[in-house]
Every structure is written in structure tokens, then in C-alpha cells.
């Protein structure tokens, strides 16, 4: 049996939505037995097989429909003319979309970022923490579900899966010049929300500099700075709560 768990985990870490397709019932003569699996991505890529042929084309189409809706379904396929088969049996297929929820690309792993990872645990958000400093990205207090990326932010931005509905961004590195360069890159990418930690004065300076480099007013307007609901507190946990509140509000109340 192929290692679908390893492949699924790799797709999860990449933030790619995927439908887990499982044969859950068979009757009569069928090309695969109960338990056979495929992993179906939103584009043309898929992994594994539940039997091949025209039947598999039908399953792929239904799996991508489920992936688009985010709703799991069970499908029954008689292996007759419609499926391009003459076996005479039938198969029941369970399609389960995963990795379809909101995903936060969190640039910077300092005190507020660490707290934000904890606050978002148990919410629909999956968090990708991007931080070159090993002592922060490997901190023991981070929730297990956080995807840790000890790499250059430029590399992560290039390979990340950007989506206009699922991608949320929060920028809070330990250097303002790095924050500015990350913002310059992410405003060129599809994302549902882009937040930057800092003051009104910080953002005013960033806007002036980025405008001189050719950034349009429309793209700069995509950035929320200061990020977070105005709650009044300044402690890292309080700031993290305010940012989490804004992220959840943007997700549930677009």
C-alpha cells in the first residue's frame, strides 16, 4: 500500500486543499477493494488510484466538486455503461475535503506571534509560522498544529499556496525593513487579508516608500495597519487576542 498519510501530511504542510477519496463499499466485481485511496488536488494533480479508466475520471470530477464546496459526500458508482465498465459490480466512494479552511501565513516568530499561535489554536485557522531564527520557530510552547518554517521569508513566499479566499497574512518580524519588504511582496499575491503590526506612523512611512517604488494605492489599501481590534492592551497576549479577533471577524463576516 502506498504511503498516503505521508503524502497527505506533505500537502497539509504546503497548505494545499485536497480531497481524500476512499473506497468504503464494494459489490460484485470491482477494480479495487475497500480501503483503496486517492488524494485529489484542486488542479489536475492527484495521487493514487481507485481503479483507473472512465470510472476514475468520474470520481475525480466529483472529488473536485466536493473540494470546491468543502462538503464531504458518499457517491455510488454502478460499474456499467455510464462508468465505461462492464464488470457489473458497484463501488461506494467517500470523499472528504481537508485543508480547505483559512490559513494564516505568520511572518515573524516573536512574543506576539508566539501568543497568536496559541490563541488561534482550536479555531478554523491553520498557522504557518515563518521565522529564520531557530530559537523562536522551535519554541516549545508552540501548539503542535503550527507548521514551522525555519527559512528565509522570500523562499516561503515563492513556494506558498496563495488563495484569494483562504490565505490570511500577518507580518510582525523583529525588523521594520524586513516587514516592509514582506509587505511589498505579499500585496502582489492573492490573499483575503493582509495585516501588519505597528503604528499609524510606521504604516505612513511604509506607504510613502512603497509608492515611490511603484506600488499602487489600491494594492497598499489591502494592508490593515495597525492590525487587530482596538482593545487597549499592549501586552503580547493582549495584542495577540486583538489580532485573532480581527482574523476571525474577517473570516466569519467578510
Protein backbone atom coordinates (compact mmCIF):
# COMPACT_ATOMS: atom_id res chain seq x y z
CA UNK A 1 0.00 0.00 0.00
CA UNK A 2 1.31 3.45 -0.89
CA UNK A 3 2.04 5.88 1.92
CA UNK A 4 -0.95 8.20 1.52
CA UNK A 5 -0.55 9.51 5.07
CA UNK A 6 2.92 10.85 4.28
CA UNK A 7 1.67 12.45 1.07
CA UNK A 8 -1.33 13.98 2.85
CA UNK A 9 0.92 15.45 5.54
CA UNK A 10 3.17 16.97 2.88
CA UNK A 11 0.16 18.59 1.22
CA UNK A 12 -1.08 19.83 4.60
CA UNK A 13 2.25 21.46 5.33
CA UNK A 14 2.18 23.11 1.91
CA UNK A 15 -1.31 24.43 2.67
CA UNK A 16 -2.86 22.74 -0.35
CA UNK A 17 -6.55 21.75 -0.24
CA UNK A 18 -7.04 18.09 -1.05
CA UNK A 19 -9.89 15.59 -1.16
CA UNK A 20 -9.26 12.23 0.48
CA UNK A 21 -11.07 9.64 -1.66
CA UNK A 22 -11.70 6.24 -0.05
CA UNK A 23 -13.47 3.14 -1.33
CA UNK A 24 -15.88 2.35 1.51
CA UNK A 25 -18.10 -0.28 -0.12
CA UNK A 26 -17.96 -2.76 -2.98
CA UNK A 27 -20.43 -5.17 -4.50
CA UNK A 28 -19.71 -7.74 -7.17
CA UNK A 29 -16.67 -7.45 -9.40
CA UNK A 30 -14.73 -4.19 -8.81
CA UNK A 31 -11.26 -2.94 -9.79
CA UNK A 32 -10.26 -2.09 -6.20
CA UNK A 33 -11.23 -3.27 -2.72
CA UNK A 34 -12.49 -1.39 0.33
CA UNK A 35 -9.80 0.93 1.68
CA UNK A 36 -8.24 1.92 -1.64
CA UNK A 37 -7.43 5.65 -1.62
CA UNK A 38 -6.67 8.63 -3.82
CA UNK A 39 -5.71 12.16 -2.90
CA UNK A 40 -7.21 14.71 -5.29
CA UNK A 41 -5.98 18.31 -5.51
CA UNK A 42 -7.91 21.25 -6.92
CA UNK A 43 -5.95 21.31 -10.18
CA UNK A 44 -5.06 18.39 -12.42
CA UNK A 45 -2.85 16.65 -9.86
CA UNK A 46 -3.95 13.55 -7.97
CA UNK A 47 -2.16 10.73 -6.17
CA UNK A 48 -3.03 7.03 -6.02
CA UNK A 49 -5.86 5.25 -7.80
CA UNK A 50 -9.26 3.70 -7.09
CA UNK A 51 -9.36 1.71 -10.32
CA UNK A 52 -8.44 3.83 -13.31
CA UNK A 53 -10.37 4.21 -16.54
CA UNK A 54 -13.52 6.27 -17.04
CA UNK A 55 -14.70 5.42 -13.51
CA UNK A 56 -11.72 7.27 -12.10
CA UNK A 57 -12.48 10.31 -14.27
CA UNK A 58 -15.98 10.44 -12.77
CA UNK A 59 -14.56 10.15 -9.25
CA UNK A 60 -12.01 12.90 -9.92
CA UNK A 61 -14.74 15.26 -11.12
CA UNK A 62 -16.94 14.54 -8.08
CA UNK A 63 -13.96 14.89 -5.73
CA UNK A 64 -13.11 18.33 -7.12
CA UNK A 65 -16.74 19.40 -6.75
CA UNK A 66 -16.58 18.40 -3.07
CA UNK A 67 -13.27 20.18 -2.71
CA UNK A 68 -14.77 23.39 -4.06
CA UNK A 69 -17.76 23.20 -1.68
CA UNK A 70 -15.82 21.89 1.33
CA UNK A 71 -18.55 19.32 1.97
CA UNK A 72 -17.90 15.58 2.37
CA UNK A 73 -20.11 13.17 0.41
CA UNK A 74 -20.57 9.48 -0.36
CA UNK A 75 -21.02 8.55 -4.04
CA UNK A 76 -22.21 5.24 -5.52
CA UNK A 77 -20.95 4.19 -8.94
CA UNK A 78 -22.58 1.24 -10.75
CA UNK A 79 -19.88 -0.27 -12.95
CA UNK A 80 -21.91 -0.19 -16.12
CA UNK A 81 -22.08 1.85 -19.30
CA UNK A 82 -22.00 5.27 -17.56
CA UNK A 83 -18.73 4.41 -15.86
CA UNK A 84 -17.31 2.85 -19.01
CA UNK A 85 -17.18 -0.52 -17.27
CA UNK A 86 -18.76 -3.91 -17.84
CA UNK A 87 -17.87 -5.52 -14.53
CA UNK A 88 -21.45 -5.36 -13.29
CA UNK A 89 -20.47 -4.54 -9.73
CA UNK A 90 -20.68 -1.23 -7.85
CA UNK A 91 -18.49 0.92 -5.61
CA UNK A 92 -19.23 3.39 -2.85
CA UNK A 93 -16.71 6.21 -2.53
CA UNK A 94 -16.30 8.58 0.42
CA UNK A 95 -14.87 11.99 -0.49
CA UNK A 96 -13.54 14.09 2.42
CA UNK A 97 -12.17 17.60 1.71
CA UNK A 98 -9.31 18.62 4.01
CA UNK A 99 -7.07 21.69 4.24
CA UNK A 100 -9.94 23.84 2.98
CA UNK A 101 -10.14 26.21 5.94
CA UNK A 102 -8.41 29.59 6.38
CA UNK A 103 -4.62 29.56 6.56
CA UNK A 104 -2.56 32.25 8.25
CA UNK A 105 0.91 32.97 6.93
CA UNK A 106 2.54 34.48 10.01
CA UNK A 107 5.83 36.22 9.27
CA UNK A 108 7.88 36.60 12.44
CA UNK A 109 8.09 34.40 15.50
CA UNK A 110 8.49 36.84 18.39
CA UNK A 111 6.43 37.25 21.55
CA UNK A 112 3.21 38.40 19.88
CA UNK A 113 3.50 35.75 17.16
CA UNK A 114 4.04 33.01 19.74
CA UNK A 115 0.97 34.18 21.65
CA UNK A 116 -1.08 34.44 18.45
CA UNK A 117 -0.31 30.83 17.57
CA UNK A 118 -1.66 29.76 20.95
CA UNK A 119 -4.75 31.99 20.77
CA UNK A 120 -5.69 30.62 17.35
CA UNK A 121 -5.46 27.01 18.50
CA UNK A 122 -8.94 25.49 18.35
CA UNK A 123 -10.19 27.96 15.71
CA UNK A 124 -10.63 27.21 11.98
CA UNK A 125 -7.21 28.75 11.26
CA UNK A 126 -4.16 26.73 10.34
CA UNK A 127 -0.95 28.68 11.03
CA UNK A 128 2.29 28.68 9.05
CA UNK A 129 4.99 30.33 11.16
CA UNK A 130 7.83 31.73 9.02
CA UNK A 131 10.93 32.64 11.02
CA UNK A 132 14.66 32.30 10.29
CA UNK A 133 15.65 32.43 13.97
CA UNK A 134 15.71 28.79 15.10
CA UNK A 135 15.21 29.59 18.80
CA UNK A 136 11.81 31.13 18.01
CA UNK A 137 10.49 28.82 15.34
CA UNK A 138 11.35 25.80 17.51
CA UNK A 139 9.94 27.24 20.74
CA UNK A 140 8.47 24.52 22.96
CA UNK A 141 5.31 26.47 23.71
CA UNK A 142 4.04 26.50 20.13
CA UNK A 143 0.93 24.38 19.54
CA UNK A 144 1.59 21.11 17.75
CA UNK A 145 -0.59 22.05 14.79
CA UNK A 146 1.53 25.06 13.81
CA UNK A 147 3.54 24.45 10.64
CA UNK A 148 7.05 25.72 11.36
CA UNK A 149 9.18 27.11 8.54
CA UNK A 150 12.76 27.90 9.55
CA UNK A 151 13.63 29.51 6.26
CA UNK A 152 14.00 32.84 4.50
CA UNK A 153 10.72 34.65 4.03
CA UNK A 154 11.47 35.12 0.31
CA UNK A 155 11.68 31.36 -0.19
CA UNK A 156 8.41 30.76 1.64
CA UNK A 157 6.55 33.42 -0.35
CA UNK A 158 7.71 31.88 -3.62
CA UNK A 159 6.52 28.35 -2.85
CA UNK A 160 3.44 29.07 -0.71
CA UNK A 161 -0.08 28.31 -1.98
CA UNK A 162 -1.76 31.72 -2.31
CA UNK A 163 -5.54 31.80 -2.46
CA UNK A 164 -7.92 34.80 -2.58
CA UNK A 165 -10.35 33.18 -0.14
CA UNK A 166 -8.23 31.03 2.19
CA UNK A 167 -4.98 32.98 2.61
CA UNK A 168 -4.57 35.41 5.51
CA UNK A 169 -1.28 37.20 6.23
CA UNK A 170 0.11 38.77 9.40
CA UNK A 171 3.54 40.46 9.31
CA UNK A 172 5.39 41.03 12.60
CA UNK A 173 9.10 40.34 12.23
CA UNK A 174 11.79 41.79 14.51
CA UNK A 175 12.92 44.33 11.85
CA UNK A 176 10.91 47.10 10.20
CA UNK A 177 12.90 46.89 6.96
CA UNK A 178 12.04 43.21 6.69
CA UNK A 179 8.37 43.96 7.42
CA UNK A 180 8.39 46.48 4.58
CA UNK A 181 9.93 44.05 2.09
CA UNK A 182 7.46 41.30 3.01
CA UNK A 183 4.54 43.70 2.53
CA UNK A 184 5.97 44.73 -0.85
CA UNK A 185 5.87 41.09 -1.91
CA UNK A 186 2.56 39.93 -0.46
CA UNK A 187 0.48 42.82 -1.83
CA UNK A 188 1.28 41.34 -5.24
CA UNK A 189 -0.23 37.97 -4.24
CA UNK A 190 -3.83 36.82 -3.87
CA UNK A 191 -4.92 36.89 -0.22
CA UNK A 192 -8.10 37.57 1.68
CA UNK A 193 -6.46 39.66 4.39
CA UNK A 194 -3.06 41.28 4.96
CA UNK A 195 -2.26 42.67 8.39
CA UNK A 196 0.85 44.49 9.59
CA UNK A 197 1.73 45.06 13.22
CA UNK A 198 2.79 48.61 14.05
CA UNK A 199 1.68 52.20 14.43
CA UNK A 200 -0.04 54.61 12.07
CA UNK A 201 3.31 56.42 11.71
CA UNK A 202 5.08 53.21 10.70
CA UNK A 203 2.48 52.48 8.05
CA UNK A 204 2.56 56.05 6.73
CA UNK A 205 6.32 55.74 6.15
CA UNK A 206 5.89 52.34 4.50
CA UNK A 207 3.24 53.69 2.15
CA UNK A 208 5.46 56.59 1.07
CA UNK A 209 8.42 54.31 0.38
CA UNK A 210 6.42 51.64 -1.42
CA UNK A 211 4.54 54.19 -3.51
CA UNK A 212 7.88 55.57 -4.70
CA UNK A 213 8.75 52.01 -5.77
CA UNK A 214 5.61 51.76 -7.87
CA UNK A 215 3.08 50.19 -5.52
CA UNK A 216 -0.42 51.34 -6.43
CA UNK A 217 -2.83 52.91 -3.94
CA UNK A 218 -5.22 50.00 -4.48
CA UNK A 219 -2.59 47.44 -3.51
CA UNK A 220 -1.47 49.43 -0.47
CA UNK A 221 -5.09 49.73 0.62
CA UNK A 222 -5.18 45.96 1.03
CA UNK A 223 -3.00 46.26 4.14
CA UNK A 224 -4.54 46.69 7.59
CA UNK A 225 -2.13 48.55 9.87
CA UNK A 226 -2.30 48.68 12.81
CA UNK A 227 -3.67 45.15 12.71
CA UNK A 228 -6.13 43.98 15.34
CA UNK A 229 -9.32 45.05 17.04
CA UNK A 230 -8.73 48.07 19.28
CA UNK A 231 -8.93 46.58 22.76
CA UNK A 232 -6.45 48.85 24.52
CA UNK A 233 -3.95 46.31 25.88
CA UNK A 234 -0.27 46.25 24.89
CA UNK A 235 0.98 43.01 26.44
CA UNK A 236 1.90 40.33 23.84
CA UNK A 237 -1.07 38.13 24.77
CA UNK A 238 -3.45 41.09 24.64
CA UNK A 239 -2.17 42.16 21.22
CA UNK A 240 -2.44 38.56 20.03
CA UNK A 241 -6.06 38.38 21.19
CA UNK A 242 -6.86 41.58 19.31
CA UNK A 243 -5.28 40.24 16.11
CA UNK A 244 -7.03 36.89 16.45
CA UNK A 245 -10.33 38.72 16.90
CA UNK A 246 -9.79 40.62 13.67
CA UNK A 247 -8.81 37.48 11.77
CA UNK A 248 -11.91 35.63 12.98
CA UNK A 249 -14.12 38.60 12.18
CA UNK A 250 -12.72 38.80 8.65
CA UNK A 251 -13.24 35.06 8.21
CA UNK A 252 -16.78 34.83 9.57
CA UNK A 253 -18.03 38.26 8.47
CA UNK A 254 -16.44 39.04 5.08
